[in-house]
C-alpha atoms as a PDB file:
ATOM      1  CA  UNK A   1       0.177  -0.118   0.057  1.00  0.00           C
ATOM      2  CA  UNK A   2       1.341   3.203  -0.883  1.00  0.00           C
ATOM      3  CA  UNK A   3       0.228   6.899  -0.770  1.00  0.00           C
ATOM      4  CA  UNK A   4       1.038   8.015  -4.264  1.00  0.00           C
ATOM      5  CA  UNK A   5       2.800  11.233  -5.245  1.00  0.00           C
ATOM      6  CA  UNK A   6       2.106  13.127  -8.586  1.00  0.00           C
ATOM      7  CA  UNK A   7       4.887  12.367 -10.784  1.00  0.00           C
ATOM      8  CA  UNK A   8       6.140   8.909  -8.837  1.00  0.00           C
ATOM      9  CA  UNK A   9       7.703   6.335 -10.915  1.00  0.00           C
ATOM     10  CA  UNK A  10       6.575   2.999  -9.393  1.00  0.00           C
ATOM     11  CA  UNK A  11       6.956  -0.581 -10.489  1.00  0.00           C
ATOM     12  CA  UNK A  12       3.402  -1.698 -11.219  1.00  0.00           C
ATOM     13  CA  UNK A  13       1.988  -4.640 -13.284  1.00  0.00           C
ATOM     14  CA  UNK A  14       0.509  -2.496 -16.054  1.00  0.00           C
ATOM     15  CA  UNK A  15      -2.301  -4.031 -17.780  1.00  0.00           C
ATOM     16  CA  UNK A  16      -2.357  -3.015 -21.599  1.00  0.00           C
ATOM     17  CA  UNK A  17      -5.406  -2.420 -23.375  1.00  0.00           C
ATOM     18  CA  UNK A  18      -4.865  -4.908 -25.680  1.00  0.00           C
ATOM     19  CA  UNK A  19      -4.680  -7.433 -22.955  1.00  0.00           C
ATOM     20  CA  UNK A  20      -7.660  -6.349 -21.333  1.00  0.00           C
ATOM     21  CA  UNK A  21      -9.620  -6.503 -24.678  1.00  0.00           C
ATOM     22  CA  UNK A  22      -8.411 -10.186 -24.758  1.00  0.00           C
ATOM     23  CA  UNK A  23     -10.286 -10.707 -21.347  1.00  0.00           C
ATOM     24  CA  UNK A  24      -6.876 -10.753 -19.168  1.00  0.00           C
ATOM     25  CA  UNK A  25      -7.128  -9.119 -15.666  1.00  0.00           C
ATOM     26  CA  UNK A  26      -3.527  -9.002 -14.721  1.00  0.00           C
ATOM     27  CA  UNK A  27      -0.614  -7.258 -16.554  1.00  0.00           C
ATOM     28  CA  UNK A  28       2.274  -9.728 -17.580  1.00  0.00           C
ATOM     29  CA  UNK A  29       5.171  -7.885 -15.937  1.00  0.00           C
ATOM     30  CA  UNK A  30       5.888  -5.181 -13.534  1.00  0.00           C
ATOM     31  CA  UNK A  31       7.163  -1.973 -15.480  1.00  0.00           C
ATOM     32  CA  UNK A  32       7.883   1.706 -14.658  1.00  0.00           C
ATOM     33  CA  UNK A  33       4.683   3.267 -14.785  1.00  0.00           C
ATOM     34  CA  UNK A  34       3.979   7.165 -14.103  1.00  0.00           C
ATOM     35  CA  UNK A  35       1.509   8.484 -11.416  1.00  0.00           C
ATOM     36  CA  UNK A  36      -0.522  11.318 -12.512  1.00  0.00           C
ATOM     37  CA  UNK A  37      -3.128  12.579  -9.860  1.00  0.00           C
ATOM     38  CA  UNK A  38      -6.059  14.190 -10.976  1.00  0.00           C
ATOM     39  CA  UNK A  39      -9.005  15.533  -9.123  1.00  0.00           C
ATOM     40  CA  UNK A  40     -12.028  13.729 -10.317  1.00  0.00           C
ATOM     41  CA  UNK A  41     -15.491  13.336  -8.968  1.00  0.00           C
ATOM     42  CA  UNK A  42     -17.644  15.538  -6.982  1.00  0.00           C
ATOM     43  CA  UNK A  43     -15.890  14.506  -3.783  1.00  0.00           C
ATOM     44  CA  UNK A  44     -12.808  16.470  -4.692  1.00  0.00           C
ATOM     45  CA  UNK A  45     -10.538  13.256  -4.018  1.00  0.00           C
ATOM     46  CA  UNK A  46      -7.298  12.893  -5.879  1.00  0.00           C
ATOM     47  CA  UNK A  47      -7.266   9.725  -8.441  1.00  0.00           C
ATOM     48  CA  UNK A  48      -4.274   8.146 -10.101  1.00  0.00           C
ATOM     49  CA  UNK A  49      -3.967   7.700 -13.616  1.00  0.00           C
ATOM     50  CA  UNK A  50      -1.023   5.187 -14.560  1.00  0.00           C
ATOM     51  CA  UNK A  51       0.836   5.772 -17.745  1.00  0.00           C
ATOM     52  CA  UNK A  52       3.210   3.090 -18.910  1.00  0.00           C
ATOM     53  CA  UNK A  53       6.661   3.694 -19.641  1.00  0.00           C
ATOM     54  CA  UNK A  54       8.661   1.581 -22.224  1.00  0.00           C
ATOM     55  CA  UNK A  55      11.826   1.192 -23.874  1.00  0.00           C
ATOM     56  CA  UNK A  56      10.317   0.040 -27.293  1.00  0.00           C
ATOM     57  CA  UNK A  57       9.844   2.796 -29.810  1.00  0.00           C
ATOM     58  CA  UNK A  58       6.114   3.589 -29.942  1.00  0.00           C
ATOM     59  CA  UNK A  59       4.177   2.308 -32.803  1.00  0.00           C
ATOM     60  CA  UNK A  60       2.225   4.422 -35.098  1.00  0.00           C
ATOM     61  CA  UNK A  61       0.495   6.221 -32.340  1.00  0.00           C
ATOM     62  CA  UNK A  62       1.319   9.890 -32.136  1.00  0.00           C
ATOM     63  CA  UNK A  63       0.179  10.183 -28.363  1.00  0.00           C
ATOM     64  CA  UNK A  64       3.425   9.513 -26.571  1.00  0.00           C
ATOM     65  CA  UNK A  65       6.380  11.556 -24.591  1.00  0.00           C
ATOM     66  CA  UNK A  66       9.750  10.845 -24.934  1.00  0.00           C
ATOM     67  CA  UNK A  67      11.762  10.944 -21.610  1.00  0.00           C
ATOM     68  CA  UNK A  68      14.594  13.173 -21.775  1.00  0.00           C
ATOM     69  CA  UNK A  69      18.240  12.320 -20.259  1.00  0.00           C
ATOM     70  CA  UNK A  70      17.639  14.591 -17.425  1.00  0.00           C
ATOM     71  CA  UNK A  71      14.299  13.276 -16.415  1.00  0.00           C
ATOM     72  CA  UNK A  72      15.334   9.606 -16.952  1.00  0.00           C
ATOM     73  CA  UNK A  73      18.167   9.919 -14.547  1.00  0.00           C
ATOM     74  CA  UNK A  74      15.717  11.720 -12.135  1.00  0.00           C
ATOM     75  CA  UNK A  75      13.359   8.978 -12.227  1.00  0.00           C
ATOM     76  CA  UNK A  76      16.231   6.219 -12.413  1.00  0.00           C
ATOM     77  CA  UNK A  77      15.106   5.083 -15.868  1.00  0.00           C
ATOM     78  CA  UNK A  78      17.182   3.791 -18.593  1.00  0.00           C
ATOM     79  CA  UNK A  79      17.082   5.294 -22.031  1.00  0.00           C
ATOM     80  CA  UNK A  80      15.579   5.532 -24.381  1.00  0.00           C
ATOM     81  CA  UNK A  81      12.136   5.581 -22.848  1.00  0.00           C
ATOM     82  CA  UNK A  82       8.692   6.725 -23.934  1.00  0.00           C
ATOM     83  CA  UNK A  83       5.509   7.392 -21.872  1.00  0.00           C
ATOM     84  CA  UNK A  84       2.432   6.303 -23.710  1.00  0.00           C
ATOM     85  CA  UNK A  85      -0.431   8.800 -23.044  1.00  0.00           C
ATOM     86  CA  UNK A  86      -3.276   7.146 -25.164  1.00  0.00           C
ATOM     87  CA  UNK A  87      -3.967   4.447 -22.403  1.00  0.00           C
ATOM     88  CA  UNK A  88      -3.678   4.489 -18.973  1.00  0.00           C
ATOM     89  CA  UNK A  89      -4.745   2.233 -15.949  1.00  0.00           C
ATOM     90  CA  UNK A  90      -6.961   3.633 -13.027  1.00  0.00           C
ATOM     91  CA  UNK A  91      -6.349   1.898  -9.818  1.00  0.00           C
ATOM     92  CA  UNK A  92      -6.674   2.219  -5.927  1.00  0.00           C
ATOM     93  CA  UNK A  93      -2.997   2.348  -4.957  1.00  0.00           C
ATOM     94  CA  UNK A  94      -3.543   1.960  -1.327  1.00  0.00           C
ATOM     95  CA  UNK A  95      -5.144  -1.464  -2.075  1.00  0.00           C
ATOM     96  CA  UNK A  96      -3.807  -2.401  -5.236  1.00  0.00           C
ATOM     97  CA  UNK A  97      -2.287  -6.013  -5.483  1.00  0.00           C
ATOM     98  CA  UNK A  98      -0.374  -4.743  -8.819  1.00  0.00           C
ATOM     99  CA  UNK A  99       2.115  -2.798  -7.342  1.00  0.00           C
ATOM    100  CA  UNK A 100       5.635  -4.695  -7.046  1.00  0.00           C
ATOM    101  CA  UNK A 101       7.508  -2.325  -4.681  1.00  0.00           C
ATOM    102  CA  UNK A 102       5.664   0.530  -2.612  1.00  0.00           C
ATOM    103  CA  UNK A 103       8.993   2.432  -2.951  1.00  0.00           C
ATOM    104  CA  UNK A 104       8.894   4.837  -5.757  1.00  0.00           C
ATOM    105  CA  UNK A 105      12.026   4.203  -8.204  1.00  0.00           C
ATOM    106  CA  UNK A 106      12.068   7.963  -8.640  1.00  0.00           C
ATOM    107  CA  UNK A 107       9.968  11.388  -9.639  1.00  0.00           C
ATOM    108  CA  UNK A 108       9.679  13.456 -12.598  1.00  0.00           C
ATOM    109  CA  UNK A 109       9.781  16.837 -12.245  1.00  0.00           C
ATOM    110  CA  UNK A 110       6.555  19.337 -12.122  1.00  0.00           C
ATOM    111  CA  UNK A 111       7.506  20.776 -15.514  1.00  0.00           C
ATOM    112  CA  UNK A 112       7.646  17.497 -17.323  1.00  0.00           C
ATOM    113  CA  UNK A 113       4.492  16.119 -15.857  1.00  0.00           C
ATOM    114  CA  UNK A 114       2.912  19.187 -17.290  1.00  0.00           C
ATOM    115  CA  UNK A 115       4.240  18.211 -20.628  1.00  0.00           C
ATOM    116  CA  UNK A 116       2.867  14.700 -20.071  1.00  0.00           C
ATOM    117  CA  UNK A 117      -0.574  15.908 -19.011  1.00  0.00           C
ATOM    118  CA  UNK A 118      -0.832  18.122 -21.949  1.00  0.00           C
ATOM    119  CA  UNK A 119      -0.180  15.084 -24.432  1.00  0.00           C
ATOM    120  CA  UNK A 120      -2.531  12.931 -22.589  1.00  0.00           C
ATOM    121  CA  UNK A 121      -5.353  15.885 -22.698  1.00  0.00           C
ATOM    122  CA  UNK A 122      -4.662  15.925 -26.625  1.00  0.00           C
ATOM    123  CA  UNK A 123      -5.317  12.215 -26.688  1.00  0.00           C
ATOM    124  CA  UNK A 124      -8.494  12.276 -24.415  1.00  0.00           C
ATOM    125  CA  UNK A 125      -9.751  15.142 -26.443  1.00  0.00           C
ATOM    126  CA  UNK A 126      -9.146  13.222 -29.630  1.00  0.00           C
ATOM    127  CA  UNK A 127     -11.215  10.462 -28.353  1.00  0.00           C
ATOM    128  CA  UNK A 128      -8.263   8.070 -28.614  1.00  0.00           C
ATOM    129  CA  UNK A 129      -7.356   7.522 -25.151  1.00  0.00           C
ATOM    130  CA  UNK A 130      -8.245   4.383 -23.295  1.00  0.00           C
ATOM    131  CA  UNK A 131      -9.115   3.955 -19.800  1.00  0.00           C
ATOM    132  CA  UNK A 132      -8.434   0.568 -18.405  1.00  0.00           C
ATOM    133  CA  UNK A 133      -9.996   0.253 -14.787  1.00  0.00           C
ATOM    134  CA  UNK A 134      -8.275  -2.254 -12.189  1.00  0.00           C
ATOM    135  CA  UNK A 135     -10.638  -1.746  -9.390  1.00  0.00           C
END
């Protein structure tokens, strides 16, 4: 159980949309995942959106953010790395079984998180973003 912070990079068993579409309920491996906290709902509580980080170059989707060297060092990631922003998991991180390690690997800067949020907003407005619920 963890209390997530905006920009944390955690090891999380991320469930890709293609796996979810096949009826799978668990991710195949723990991967670095970016925690973005947003305020959603009338209760004013923060909810985490979990964006996968991959070392594989993104396919044909234009909705990704490449991780610069400085941010990779800050987050303790290898480069090259990309954050996929046209799909994300939602989960209750305080009760989730999908967290590999409760200690964050590192954290992205607020400025870089703003860039990720802007790219995710573009995908959401375009109607191409997929939310994969884990709770």
